[in-house]
Amino acid sequence: IAEALAQAGMPGPFPGPLCFGLPP
């Protein structure tokens, strides 16, 4: 996520939701 945000030029706070796939 940090890499993606740095490339997007959006260091934070991020003005949208987080949708993330995770294992149980």
PDBML (XML) file of the C-alpha atoms, coordinates in Angstrom:
<?xml version="1.0" encoding="UTF-8" ?>
<PDBx:datablock datablockName="MODEL"
   xmlns:PDBx="http://pdbml.pdb.org/schema/pdbx-v50.xsd"
   xmlns:xsi="http://www.w3.org/2001/XMLSchema-instance"
   xsi:schemaLocation="http://pdbml.pdb.org/schema/pdbx-v50.xsd pdbx-v50.xsd">
   <PDBx:atom_siteCategory>
      <PDBx:atom_site id="1">
         <PDBx:B_iso_or_equiv>0.00</PDBx:B_iso_or_equiv>
         <PDBx:Cartn_x>0.000</PDBx:Cartn_x>
         <PDBx:Cartn_y>0.000</PDBx:Cartn_y>
         <PDBx:Cartn_z>0.000</PDBx:Cartn_z>
         <PDBx:auth_asym_id>A</PDBx:auth_asym_id>
         <PDBx:auth_atom_id>CA</PDBx:auth_atom_id>
         <PDBx:auth_comp_id>ILE</PDBx:auth_comp_id>
         <PDBx:auth_seq_id>1</PDBx:auth_seq_id>
         <PDBx:group_PDB>ATOM</PDBx:group_PDB>
         <PDBx:label_alt_id xsi:nil="true" />
         <PDBx:label_asym_id>A</PDBx:label_asym_id>
         <PDBx:label_atom_id>CA</PDBx:label_atom_id>
         <PDBx:label_comp_id>ILE</PDBx:label_comp_id>
         <PDBx:label_entity_id>1</PDBx:label_entity_id>
         <PDBx:label_seq_id>1</PDBx:label_seq_id>
         <PDBx:occupancy>1.00</PDBx:occupancy>
         <PDBx:pdbx_PDB_model_num>1</PDBx:pdbx_PDB_model_num>
         <PDBx:type_symbol>C</PDBx:type_symbol>
      </PDBx:atom_site>
      <PDBx:atom_site id="2">
         <PDBx:B_iso_or_equiv>0.00</PDBx:B_iso_or_equiv>
         <PDBx:Cartn_x>2.790</PDBx:Cartn_x>
         <PDBx:Cartn_y>2.432</PDBx:Cartn_y>
         <PDBx:Cartn_z>0.855</PDBx:Cartn_z>
         <PDBx:auth_asym_id>A</PDBx:auth_asym_id>
         <PDBx:auth_atom_id>CA</PDBx:auth_atom_id>
         <PDBx:auth_comp_id>ALA</PDBx:auth_comp_id>
         <PDBx:auth_seq_id>2</PDBx:auth_seq_id>
         <PDBx:group_PDB>ATOM</PDBx:group_PDB>
         <PDBx:label_alt_id xsi:nil="true" />
         <PDBx:label_asym_id>A</PDBx:label_asym_id>
         <PDBx:label_atom_id>CA</PDBx:label_atom_id>
         <PDBx:label_comp_id>ALA</PDBx:label_comp_id>
         <PDBx:label_entity_id>1</PDBx:label_entity_id>
         <PDBx:label_seq_id>2</PDBx:label_seq_id>
         <PDBx:occupancy>1.00</PDBx:occupancy>
         <PDBx:pdbx_PDB_model_num>1</PDBx:pdbx_PDB_model_num>
         <PDBx:type_symbol>C</PDBx:type_symbol>
      </PDBx:atom_site>
      <PDBx:atom_site id="3">
         <PDBx:B_iso_or_equiv>0.00</PDBx:B_iso_or_equiv>
         <PDBx:Cartn_x>4.399</PDBx:Cartn_x>
         <PDBx:Cartn_y>1.847</PDBx:Cartn_y>
         <PDBx:Cartn_z>-2.551</PDBx:Cartn_z>
         <PDBx:auth_asym_id>A</PDBx:auth_asym_id>
         <PDBx:auth_atom_id>CA</PDBx:auth_atom_id>
         <PDBx:auth_comp_id>GLU</PDBx:auth_comp_id>
         <PDBx:auth_seq_id>3</PDBx:auth_seq_id>
         <PDBx:group_PDB>ATOM</PDBx:group_PDB>
         <PDBx:label_alt_id xsi:nil="true" />
         <PDBx:label_asym_id>A</PDBx:label_asym_id>
         <PDBx:label_atom_id>CA</PDBx:label_atom_id>
         <PDBx:label_comp_id>GLU</PDBx:label_comp_id>
         <PDBx:label_entity_id>1</PDBx:label_entity_id>
         <PDBx:label_seq_id>3</PDBx:label_seq_id>
         <PDBx:occupancy>1.00</PDBx:occupancy>
         <PDBx:pdbx_PDB_model_num>1</PDBx:pdbx_PDB_model_num>
         <PDBx:type_symbol>C</PDBx:type_symbol>
      </PDBx:atom_site>
      <PDBx:atom_site id="4">
         <PDBx:B_iso_or_equiv>0.00</PDBx:B_iso_or_equiv>
         <PDBx:Cartn_x>1.099</PDBx:Cartn_x>
         <PDBx:Cartn_y>2.349</PDBx:Cartn_y>
         <PDBx:Cartn_z>-4.390</PDBx:Cartn_z>
         <PDBx:auth_asym_id>A</PDBx:auth_asym_id>
         <PDBx:auth_atom_id>CA</PDBx:auth_atom_id>
         <PDBx:auth_comp_id>ALA</PDBx:auth_comp_id>
         <PDBx:auth_seq_id>4</PDBx:auth_seq_id>
         <PDBx:group_PDB>ATOM</PDBx:group_PDB>
         <PDBx:label_alt_id xsi:nil="true" />
         <PDBx:label_asym_id>A</PDBx:label_asym_id>
         <PDBx:label_atom_id>CA</PDBx:label_atom_id>
         <PDBx:label_comp_id>ALA</PDBx:label_comp_id>
         <PDBx:label_entity_id>1</PDBx:label_entity_id>
         <PDBx:label_seq_id>4</PDBx:label_seq_id>
         <PDBx:occupancy>1.00</PDBx:occupancy>
         <PDBx:pdbx_PDB_model_num>1</PDBx:pdbx_PDB_model_num>
         <PDBx:type_symbol>C</PDBx:type_symbol>
      </PDBx:atom_site>
      <PDBx:atom_site id="5">
         <PDBx:B_iso_or_equiv>0.00</PDBx:B_iso_or_equiv>
         <PDBx:Cartn_x>0.300</PDBx:Cartn_x>
         <PDBx:Cartn_y>5.551</PDBx:Cartn_y>
         <PDBx:Cartn_z>-2.480</PDBx:Cartn_z>
         <PDBx:auth_asym_id>A</PDBx:auth_asym_id>
         <PDBx:auth_atom_id>CA</PDBx:auth_atom_id>
         <PDBx:auth_comp_id>LEU</PDBx:auth_comp_id>
         <PDBx:auth_seq_id>5</PDBx:auth_seq_id>
         <PDBx:group_PDB>ATOM</PDBx:group_PDB>
         <PDBx:label_alt_id xsi:nil="true" />
         <PDBx:label_asym_id>A</PDBx:label_asym_id>
         <PDBx:label_atom_id>CA</PDBx:label_atom_id>
         <PDBx:label_comp_id>LEU</PDBx:label_comp_id>
         <PDBx:label_entity_id>1</PDBx:label_entity_id>
         <PDBx:label_seq_id>5</PDBx:label_seq_id>
         <PDBx:occupancy>1.00</PDBx:occupancy>
         <PDBx:pdbx_PDB_model_num>1</PDBx:pdbx_PDB_model_num>
         <PDBx:type_symbol>C</PDBx:type_symbol>
      </PDBx:atom_site>
      <PDBx:atom_site id="6">
         <PDBx:B_iso_or_equiv>0.00</PDBx:B_iso_or_equiv>
         <PDBx:Cartn_x>3.784</PDBx:Cartn_x>
         <PDBx:Cartn_y>6.959</PDBx:Cartn_y>
         <PDBx:Cartn_z>-3.072</PDBx:Cartn_z>
         <PDBx:auth_asym_id>A</PDBx:auth_asym_id>
         <PDBx:auth_atom_id>CA</PDBx:auth_atom_id>
         <PDBx:auth_comp_id>ALA</PDBx:auth_comp_id>
         <PDBx:auth_seq_id>6</PDBx:auth_seq_id>
         <PDBx:group_PDB>ATOM</PDBx:group_PDB>
         <PDBx:label_alt_id xsi:nil="true" />
         <PDBx:label_asym_id>A</PDBx:label_asym_id>
         <PDBx:label_atom_id>CA</PDBx:label_atom_id>
         <PDBx:label_comp_id>ALA</PDBx:label_comp_id>
         <PDBx:label_entity_id>1</PDBx:label_entity_id>
         <PDBx:label_seq_id>6</PDBx:label_seq_id>
         <PDBx:occupancy>1.00</PDBx:occupancy>
         <PDBx:pdbx_PDB_model_num>1</PDBx:pdbx_PDB_model_num>
         <PDBx:type_symbol>C</PDBx:type_symbol>
      </PDBx:atom_site>
      <PDBx:atom_site id="7">
         <PDBx:B_iso_or_equiv>0.00</PDBx:B_iso_or_equiv>
         <PDBx:Cartn_x>3.447</PDBx:Cartn_x>
         <PDBx:Cartn_y>6.381</PDBx:Cartn_y>
         <PDBx:Cartn_z>-6.823</PDBx:Cartn_z>
         <PDBx:auth_asym_id>A</PDBx:auth_asym_id>
         <PDBx:auth_atom_id>CA</PDBx:auth_atom_id>
         <PDBx:auth_comp_id>GLN</PDBx:auth_comp_id>
         <PDBx:auth_seq_id>7</PDBx:auth_seq_id>
         <PDBx:group_PDB>ATOM</PDBx:group_PDB>
         <PDBx:label_alt_id xsi:nil="true" />
         <PDBx:label_asym_id>A</PDBx:label_asym_id>
         <PDBx:label_atom_id>CA</PDBx:label_atom_id>
         <PDBx:label_comp_id>GLN</PDBx:label_comp_id>
         <PDBx:label_entity_id>1</PDBx:label_entity_id>
         <PDBx:label_seq_id>7</PDBx:label_seq_id>
         <PDBx:occupancy>1.00</PDBx:occupancy>
         <PDBx:pdbx_PDB_model_num>1</PDBx:pdbx_PDB_model_num>
         <PDBx:type_symbol>C</PDBx:type_symbol>
      </PDBx:atom_site>
      <PDBx:atom_site id="8">
         <PDBx:B_iso_or_equiv>0.00</PDBx:B_iso_or_equiv>
         <PDBx:Cartn_x>-0.010</PDBx:Cartn_x>
         <PDBx:Cartn_y>7.961</PDBx:Cartn_y>
         <PDBx:Cartn_z>-6.795</PDBx:Cartn_z>
         <PDBx:auth_asym_id>A</PDBx:auth_asym_id>
         <PDBx:auth_atom_id>CA</PDBx:auth_atom_id>
         <PDBx:auth_comp_id>ALA</PDBx:auth_comp_id>
         <PDBx:auth_seq_id>8</PDBx:auth_seq_id>
         <PDBx:group_PDB>ATOM</PDBx:group_PDB>
         <PDBx:label_alt_id xsi:nil="true" />
         <PDBx:label_asym_id>A</PDBx:label_asym_id>
         <PDBx:label_atom_id>CA</PDBx:label_atom_id>
         <PDBx:label_comp_id>ALA</PDBx:label_comp_id>
         <PDBx:label_entity_id>1</PDBx:label_entity_id>
         <PDBx:label_seq_id>8</PDBx:label_seq_id>
         <PDBx:occupancy>1.00</PDBx:occupancy>
         <PDBx:pdbx_PDB_model_num>1</PDBx:pdbx_PDB_model_num>
         <PDBx:type_symbol>C</PDBx:type_symbol>
      </PDBx:atom_site>
      <PDBx:atom_site id="9">
         <PDBx:B_iso_or_equiv>0.00</PDBx:B_iso_or_equiv>
         <PDBx:Cartn_x>1.301</PDBx:Cartn_x>
         <PDBx:Cartn_y>11.005</PDBx:Cartn_y>
         <PDBx:Cartn_z>-4.931</PDBx:Cartn_z>
         <PDBx:auth_asym_id>A</PDBx:auth_asym_id>
         <PDBx:auth_atom_id>CA</PDBx:auth_atom_id>
         <PDBx:auth_comp_id>GLY</PDBx:auth_comp_id>
         <PDBx:auth_seq_id>9</PDBx:auth_seq_id>
         <PDBx:group_PDB>ATOM</PDBx:group_PDB>
         <PDBx:label_alt_id xsi:nil="true" />
         <PDBx:label_asym_id>A</PDBx:label_asym_id>
         <PDBx:label_atom_id>CA</PDBx:label_atom_id>
         <PDBx:label_comp_id>GLY</PDBx:label_comp_id>
         <PDBx:label_entity_id>1</PDBx:label_entity_id>
         <PDBx:label_seq_id>9</PDBx:label_seq_id>
         <PDBx:occupancy>1.00</PDBx:occupancy>
         <PDBx:pdbx_PDB_model_num>1</PDBx:pdbx_PDB_model_num>
         <PDBx:type_symbol>C</PDBx:type_symbol>
      </PDBx:atom_site>
      <PDBx:atom_site id="10">
         <PDBx:B_iso_or_equiv>0.00</PDBx:B_iso_or_equiv>
         <PDBx:Cartn_x>-1.181</PDBx:Cartn_x>
         <PDBx:Cartn_y>10.516</PDBx:Cartn_y>
         <PDBx:Cartn_z>-2.062</PDBx:Cartn_z>
         <PDBx:auth_asym_id>A</PDBx:auth_asym_id>
         <PDBx:auth_atom_id>CA</PDBx:auth_atom_id>
         <PDBx:auth_comp_id>MET</PDBx:auth_comp_id>
         <PDBx:auth_seq_id>10</PDBx:auth_seq_id>
         <PDBx:group_PDB>ATOM</PDBx:group_PDB>
         <PDBx:label_alt_id xsi:nil="true" />
         <PDBx:label_asym_id>A</PDBx:label_asym_id>
         <PDBx:label_atom_id>CA</PDBx:label_atom_id>
         <PDBx:label_comp_id>MET</PDBx:label_comp_id>
         <PDBx:label_entity_id>1</PDBx:label_entity_id>
         <PDBx:label_seq_id>10</PDBx:label_seq_id>
         <PDBx:occupancy>1.00</PDBx:occupancy>
         <PDBx:pdbx_PDB_model_num>1</PDBx:pdbx_PDB_model_num>
         <PDBx:type_symbol>C</PDBx:type_symbol>
      </PDBx:atom_site>
      <PDBx:atom_site id="11">
         <PDBx:B_iso_or_equiv>0.00</PDBx:B_iso_or_equiv>
         <PDBx:Cartn_x>0.874</PDBx:Cartn_x>
         <PDBx:Cartn_y>10.227</PDBx:Cartn_y>
         <PDBx:Cartn_z>1.132</PDBx:Cartn_z>
         <PDBx:auth_asym_id>A</PDBx:auth_asym_id>
         <PDBx:auth_atom_id>CA</PDBx:auth_atom_id>
         <PDBx:auth_comp_id>PRO</PDBx:auth_comp_id>
         <PDBx:auth_seq_id>11</PDBx:auth_seq_id>
         <PDBx:group_PDB>ATOM</PDBx:group_PDB>
         <PDBx:label_alt_id xsi:nil="true" />
         <PDBx:label_asym_id>A</PDBx:label_asym_id>
         <PDBx:label_atom_id>CA</PDBx:label_atom_id>
         <PDBx:label_comp_id>PRO</PDBx:label_comp_id>
         <PDBx:label_entity_id>1</PDBx:label_entity_id>
         <PDBx:label_seq_id>11</PDBx:label_seq_id>
         <PDBx:occupancy>1.00</PDBx:occupancy>
         <PDBx:pdbx_PDB_model_num>1</PDBx:pdbx_PDB_model_num>
         <PDBx:type_symbol>C</PDBx:type_symbol>
      </PDBx:atom_site>
      <PDBx:atom_site id="12">
         <PDBx:B_iso_or_equiv>0.00</PDBx:B_iso_or_equiv>
         <PDBx:Cartn_x>-2.141</PDBx:Cartn_x>
         <PDBx:Cartn_y>10.517</PDBx:Cartn_y>
         <PDBx:Cartn_z>3.431</PDBx:Cartn_z>
         <PDBx:auth_asym_id>A</PDBx:auth_asym_id>
         <PDBx:auth_atom_id>CA</PDBx:auth_atom_id>
         <PDBx:auth_comp_id>GLY</PDBx:auth_comp_id>
         <PDBx:auth_seq_id>12</PDBx:auth_seq_id>
         <PDBx:group_PDB>ATOM</PDBx:group_PDB>
         <PDBx:label_alt_id xsi:nil="true" />
         <PDBx:label_asym_id>A</PDBx:label_asym_id>
         <PDBx:label_atom_id>CA</PDBx:label_atom_id>
         <PDBx:label_comp_id>GLY</PDBx:label_comp_id>
         <PDBx:label_entity_id>1</PDBx:label_entity_id>
         <PDBx:label_seq_id>12</PDBx:label_seq_id>
         <PDBx:occupancy>1.00</PDBx:occupancy>
         <PDBx:pdbx_PDB_model_num>1</PDBx:pdbx_PDB_model_num>
         <PDBx:type_symbol>C</PDBx:type_symbol>
      </PDBx:atom_site>
      <PDBx:atom_site id="13">
         <PDBx:B_iso_or_equiv>0.00</PDBx:B_iso_or_equiv>
         <PDBx:Cartn_x>-4.487</PDBx:Cartn_x>
         <PDBx:Cartn_y>10.770</PDBx:Cartn_y>
         <PDBx:Cartn_z>5.086</PDBx:Cartn_z>
         <PDBx:auth_asym_id>A</PDBx:auth_asym_id>
         <PDBx:auth_atom_id>CA</PDBx:auth_atom_id>
         <PDBx:auth_comp_id>PRO</PDBx:auth_comp_id>
         <PDBx:auth_seq_id>13</PDBx:auth_seq_id>
         <PDBx:group_PDB>ATOM</PDBx:group_PDB>
         <PDBx:label_alt_id xsi:nil="true" />
         <PDBx:label_asym_id>A</PDBx:label_asym_id>
         <PDBx:label_atom_id>CA</PDBx:label_atom_id>
         <PDBx:label_comp_id>PRO</PDBx:label_comp_id>
         <PDBx:label_entity_id>1</PDBx:label_entity_id>
         <PDBx:label_seq_id>13</PDBx:label_seq_id>
         <PDBx:occupancy>1.00</PDBx:occupancy>
         <PDBx:pdbx_PDB_model_num>1</PDBx:pdbx_PDB_model_num>
         <PDBx:type_symbol>C</PDBx:type_symbol>
      </PDBx:atom_site>
      <PDBx:atom_site id="14">
         <PDBx:B_iso_or_equiv>0.00</PDBx:B_iso_or_equiv>
         <PDBx:Cartn_x>-6.102</PDBx:Cartn_x>
         <PDBx:Cartn_y>8.822</PDBx:Cartn_y>
         <PDBx:Cartn_z>2.268</PDBx:Cartn_z>
         <PDBx:auth_asym_id>A</PDBx:auth_asym_id>
         <PDBx:auth_atom_id>CA</PDBx:auth_atom_id>
         <PDBx:auth_comp_id>PHE</PDBx:auth_comp_id>
         <PDBx:auth_seq_id>14</PDBx:auth_seq_id>
         <PDBx:group_PDB>ATOM</PDBx:group_PDB>
         <PDBx:label_alt_id xsi:nil="true" />
         <PDBx:label_asym_id>A</PDBx:label_asym_id>
         <PDBx:label_atom_id>CA</PDBx:label_atom_id>
         <PDBx:label_comp_id>PHE</PDBx:label_comp_id>
         <PDBx:label_entity_id>1</PDBx:label_entity_id>
         <PDBx:label_seq_id>14</PDBx:label_seq_id>
         <PDBx:occupancy>1.00</PDBx:occupancy>
         <PDBx:pdbx_PDB_model_num>1</PDBx:pdbx_PDB_model_num>
         <PDBx:type_symbol>C</PDBx:type_symbol>
      </PDBx:atom_site>
      <PDBx:atom_site id="15">
         <PDBx:B_iso_or_equiv>0.00</PDBx:B_iso_or_equiv>
         <PDBx:Cartn_x>-9.497</PDBx:Cartn_x>
         <PDBx:Cartn_y>10.297</PDBx:Cartn_y>
         <PDBx:Cartn_z>1.328</PDBx:Cartn_z>
         <PDBx:auth_asym_id>A</PDBx:auth_asym_id>
         <PDBx:auth_atom_id>CA</PDBx:auth_atom_id>
         <PDBx:auth_comp_id>PRO</PDBx:auth_comp_id>
         <PDBx:auth_seq_id>15</PDBx:auth_seq_id>
         <PDBx:group_PDB>ATOM</PDBx:group_PDB>
         <PDBx:label_alt_id xsi:nil="true" />
         <PDBx:label_asym_id>A</PDBx:label_asym_id>
         <PDBx:label_atom_id>CA</PDBx:label_atom_id>
         <PDBx:label_comp_id>PRO</PDBx:label_comp_id>
         <PDBx:label_entity_id>1</PDBx:label_entity_id>
         <PDBx:label_seq_id>15</PDBx:label_seq_id>
         <PDBx:occupancy>1.00</PDBx:occupancy>
         <PDBx:pdbx_PDB_model_num>1</PDBx:pdbx_PDB_model_num>
         <PDBx:type_symbol>C</PDBx:type_symbol>
      </PDBx:atom_site>
      <PDBx:atom_site id="16">
         <PDBx:B_iso_or_equiv>0.00</PDBx:B_iso_or_equiv>
         <PDBx:Cartn_x>-11.217</PDBx:Cartn_x>
         <PDBx:Cartn_y>7.023</PDBx:Cartn_y>
         <PDBx:Cartn_z>0.458</PDBx:Cartn_z>
         <PDBx:auth_asym_id>A</PDBx:auth_asym_id>
         <PDBx:auth_atom_id>CA</PDBx:auth_atom_id>
         <PDBx:auth_comp_id>GLY</PDBx:auth_comp_id>
         <PDBx:auth_seq_id>16</PDBx:auth_seq_id>
         <PDBx:group_PDB>ATOM</PDBx:group_PDB>
         <PDBx:label_alt_id xsi:nil="true" />
         <PDBx:label_asym_id>A</PDBx:label_asym_id>
         <PDBx:label_atom_id>CA</PDBx:label_atom_id>
         <PDBx:label_comp_id>GLY</PDBx:label_comp_id>
         <PDBx:label_entity_id>1</PDBx:label_entity_id>
         <PDBx:label_seq_id>16</PDBx:label_seq_id>
         <PDBx:occupancy>1.00</PDBx:occupancy>
         <PDBx:pdbx_PDB_model_num>1</PDBx:pdbx_PDB_model_num>
         <PDBx:type_symbol>C</PDBx:type_symbol>
      </PDBx:atom_site>
      <PDBx:atom_site id="17">
         <PDBx:B_iso_or_equiv>0.00</PDBx:B_iso_or_equiv>
         <PDBx:Cartn_x>-11.930</PDBx:Cartn_x>
         <PDBx:Cartn_y>3.506</PDBx:Cartn_y>
         <PDBx:Cartn_z>1.739</PDBx:Cartn_z>
         <PDBx:auth_asym_id>A</PDBx:auth_asym_id>
         <PDBx:auth_atom_id>CA</PDBx:auth_atom_id>
         <PDBx:auth_comp_id>PRO</PDBx:auth_comp_id>
         <PDBx:auth_seq_id>17</PDBx:auth_seq_id>
         <PDBx:group_PDB>ATOM</PDBx:group_PDB>
         <PDBx:label_alt_id xsi:nil="true" />
         <PDBx:label_asym_id>A</PDBx:label_asym_id>
         <PDBx:label_atom_id>CA</PDBx:label_atom_id>
         <PDBx:label_comp_id>PRO</PDBx:label_comp_id>
         <PDBx:label_entity_id>1</PDBx:label_entity_id>
         <PDBx:label_seq_id>17</PDBx:label_seq_id>
         <PDBx:occupancy>1.00</PDBx:occupancy>
         <PDBx:pdbx_PDB_model_num>1</PDBx:pdbx_PDB_model_num>
         <PDBx:type_symbol>C</PDBx:type_symbol>
      </PDBx:atom_site>
      <PDBx:atom_site id="18">
         <PDBx:B_iso_or_equiv>0.00</PDBx:B_iso_or_equiv>
         <PDBx:Cartn_x>-9.698</PDBx:Cartn_x>
         <PDBx:Cartn_y>0.438</PDBx:Cartn_y>
         <PDBx:Cartn_z>2.044</PDBx:Cartn_z>
         <PDBx:auth_asym_id>A</PDBx:auth_asym_id>
         <PDBx:auth_atom_id>CA</PDBx:auth_atom_id>
         <PDBx:auth_comp_id>LEU</PDBx:auth_comp_id>
         <PDBx:auth_seq_id>18</PDBx:auth_seq_id>
         <PDBx:group_PDB>ATOM</PDBx:group_PDB>
         <PDBx:label_alt_id xsi:nil="true" />
         <PDBx:label_asym_id>A</PDBx:label_asym_id>
         <PDBx:label_atom_id>CA</PDBx:label_atom_id>
         <PDBx:label_comp_id>LEU</PDBx:label_comp_id>
         <PDBx:label_entity_id>1</PDBx:label_entity_id>
         <PDBx:label_seq_id>18</PDBx:label_seq_id>
         <PDBx:occupancy>1.00</PDBx:occupancy>
         <PDBx:pdbx_PDB_model_num>1</PDBx:pdbx_PDB_model_num>
         <PDBx:type_symbol>C</PDBx:type_symbol>
      </PDBx:atom_site>
      <PDBx:atom_site id="19">
         <PDBx:B_iso_or_equiv>0.00</PDBx:B_iso_or_equiv>
         <PDBx:Cartn_x>-10.919</PDBx:Cartn_x>
         <PDBx:Cartn_y>-2.776</PDBx:Cartn_y>
         <PDBx:Cartn_z>0.365</PDBx:Cartn_z>
         <PDBx:auth_asym_id>A</PDBx:auth_asym_id>
         <PDBx:auth_atom_id>CA</PDBx:auth_atom_id>
         <PDBx:auth_comp_id>CYS</PDBx:auth_comp_id>
         <PDBx:auth_seq_id>19</PDBx:auth_seq_id>
         <PDBx:group_PDB>ATOM</PDBx:group_PDB>
         <PDBx:label_alt_id xsi:nil="true" />
         <PDBx:label_asym_id>A</PDBx:label_asym_id>
         <PDBx:label_atom_id>CA</PDBx:label_atom_id>
         <PDBx:label_comp_id>CYS</PDBx:label_comp_id>
         <PDBx:label_entity_id>1</PDBx:label_entity_id>
         <PDBx:label_seq_id>19</PDBx:label_seq_id>
         <PDBx:occupancy>1.00</PDBx:occupancy>
         <PDBx:pdbx_PDB_model_num>1</PDBx:pdbx_PDB_model_num>
         <PDBx:type_symbol>C</PDBx:type_symbol>
      </PDBx:atom_site>
      <PDBx:atom_site id="20">
         <PDBx:B_iso_or_equiv>0.00</PDBx:B_iso_or_equiv>
         <PDBx:Cartn_x>-8.519</PDBx:Cartn_x>
         <PDBx:Cartn_y>-5.621</PDBx:Cartn_y>
         <PDBx:Cartn_z>1.034</PDBx:Cartn_z>
         <PDBx:auth_asym_id>A</PDBx:auth_asym_id>
         <PDBx:auth_atom_id>CA</PDBx:auth_atom_id>
         <PDBx:auth_comp_id>PHE</PDBx:auth_comp_id>
         <PDBx:auth_seq_id>20</PDBx:auth_seq_id>
         <PDBx:group_PDB>ATOM</PDBx:group_PDB>
         <PDBx:label_alt_id xsi:nil="true" />
         <PDBx:label_asym_id>A</PDBx:label_asym_id>
         <PDBx:label_atom_id>CA</PDBx:label_atom_id>
         <PDBx:label_comp_id>PHE</PDBx:label_comp_id>
         <PDBx:label_entity_id>1</PDBx:label_entity_id>
         <PDBx:label_seq_id>20</PDBx:label_seq_id>
         <PDBx:occupancy>1.00</PDBx:occupancy>
         <PDBx:pdbx_PDB_model_num>1</PDBx:pdbx_PDB_model_num>
         <PDBx:type_symbol>C</PDBx:type_symbol>
      </PDBx:atom_site>
      <PDBx:atom_site id="21">
         <PDBx:B_iso_or_equiv>0.00</PDBx:B_iso_or_equiv>
         <PDBx:Cartn_x>-8.496</PDBx:Cartn_x>
         <PDBx:Cartn_y>-9.365</PDBx:Cartn_y>
         <PDBx:Cartn_z>0.453</PDBx:Cartn_z>
         <PDBx:auth_asym_id>A</PDBx:auth_asym_id>
         <PDBx:auth_atom_id>CA</PDBx:auth_atom_id>
         <PDBx:auth_comp_id>GLY</PDBx:auth_comp_id>
         <PDBx:auth_seq_id>21</PDBx:auth_seq_id>
         <PDBx:group_PDB>ATOM</PDBx:group_PDB>
         <PDBx:label_alt_id xsi:nil="true" />
         <PDBx:label_asym_id>A</PDBx:label_asym_id>
         <PDBx:label_atom_id>CA</PDBx:label_atom_id>
         <PDBx:label_comp_id>GLY</PDBx:label_comp_id>
         <PDBx:label_entity_id>1</PDBx:label_entity_id>
         <PDBx:label_seq_id>21</PDBx:label_seq_id>
         <PDBx:occupancy>1.00</PDBx:occupancy>
         <PDBx:pdbx_PDB_model_num>1</PDBx:pdbx_PDB_model_num>
         <PDBx:type_symbol>C</PDBx:type_symbol>
      </PDBx:atom_site>
      <PDBx:atom_site id="22">
         <PDBx:B_iso_or_equiv>0.00</PDBx:B_iso_or_equiv>
         <PDBx:Cartn_x>-7.220</PDBx:Cartn_x>
         <PDBx:Cartn_y>-11.345</PDBx:Cartn_y>
         <PDBx:Cartn_z>3.424</PDBx:Cartn_z>
         <PDBx:auth_asym_id>A</PDBx:auth_asym_id>
         <PDBx:auth_atom_id>CA</PDBx:auth_atom_id>
         <PDBx:auth_comp_id>LEU</PDBx:auth_comp_id>
         <PDBx:auth_seq_id>22</PDBx:auth_seq_id>
         <PDBx:group_PDB>ATOM</PDBx:group_PDB>
         <PDBx:label_alt_id xsi:nil="true" />
         <PDBx:label_asym_id>A</PDBx:label_asym_id>
         <PDBx:label_atom_id>CA</PDBx:label_atom_id>
         <PDBx:label_comp_id>LEU</PDBx:label_comp_id>
         <PDBx:label_entity_id>1</PDBx:label_entity_id>
         <PDBx:label_seq_id>22</PDBx:label_seq_id>
         <PDBx:occupancy>1.00</PDBx:occupancy>
         <PDBx:pdbx_PDB_model_num>1</PDBx:pdbx_PDB_model_num>
         <PDBx:type_symbol>C</PDBx:type_symbol>
      </PDBx:atom_site>
      <PDBx:atom_site id="23">
         <PDBx:B_iso_or_equiv>0.00</PDBx:B_iso_or_equiv>
         <PDBx:Cartn_x>-7.057</PDBx:Cartn_x>
         <PDBx:Cartn_y>-15.040</PDBx:Cartn_y>
         <PDBx:Cartn_z>4.345</PDBx:Cartn_z>
         <PDBx:auth_asym_id>A</PDBx:auth_asym_id>
         <PDBx:auth_atom_id>CA</PDBx:auth_atom_id>
         <PDBx:auth_comp_id>PRO</PDBx:auth_comp_id>
         <PDBx:auth_seq_id>23</PDBx:auth_seq_id>
         <PDBx:group_PDB>ATOM</PDBx:group_PDB>
         <PDBx:label_alt_id xsi:nil="true" />
         <PDBx:label_asym_id>A</PDBx:label_asym_id>
         <PDBx:label_atom_id>CA</PDBx:label_atom_id>
         <PDBx:label_comp_id>PRO</PDBx:label_comp_id>
         <PDBx:label_entity_id>1</PDBx:label_entity_id>
         <PDBx:label_seq_id>23</PDBx:label_seq_id>
         <PDBx:occupancy>1.00</PDBx:occupancy>
         <PDBx:pdbx_PDB_model_num>1</PDBx:pdbx_PDB_model_num>
         <PDBx:type_symbol>C</PDBx:type_symbol>
      </PDBx:atom_site>
      <PDBx:atom_site id="24">
         <PDBx:B_iso_or_equiv>0.00</PDBx:B_iso_or_equiv>
         <PDBx:Cartn_x>-8.947</PDBx:Cartn_x>
         <PDBx:Cartn_y>-16.395</PDBx:Cartn_y>
         <PDBx:Cartn_z>7.389</PDBx:Cartn_z>
         <PDBx:auth_asym_id>A</PDBx:auth_asym_id>
         <PDBx:auth_atom_id>CA</PDBx:auth_atom_id>
         <PDBx:auth_comp_id>PRO</PDBx:auth_comp_id>
         <PDBx:auth_seq_id>24</PDBx:auth_seq_id>
         <PDBx:group_PDB>ATOM</PDBx:group_PDB>
         <PDBx:label_alt_id xsi:nil="true" />
         <PDBx:label_asym_id>A</PDBx:label_asym_id>
         <PDBx:label_atom_id>CA</PDBx:label_atom_id>
         <PDBx:label_comp_id>PRO</PDBx:label_comp_id>
         <PDBx:label_entity_id>1</PDBx:label_entity_id>
         <PDBx:label_seq_id>24</PDBx:label_seq_id>
         <PDBx:occupancy>1.00</PDBx:occupancy>
         <PDBx:pdbx_PDB_model_num>1</PDBx:pdbx_PDB_model_num>
         <PDBx:type_symbol>C</PDBx:type_symbol>
      </PDBx:atom_site>
   </PDBx:atom_siteCategory>
</PDBx:datablock>
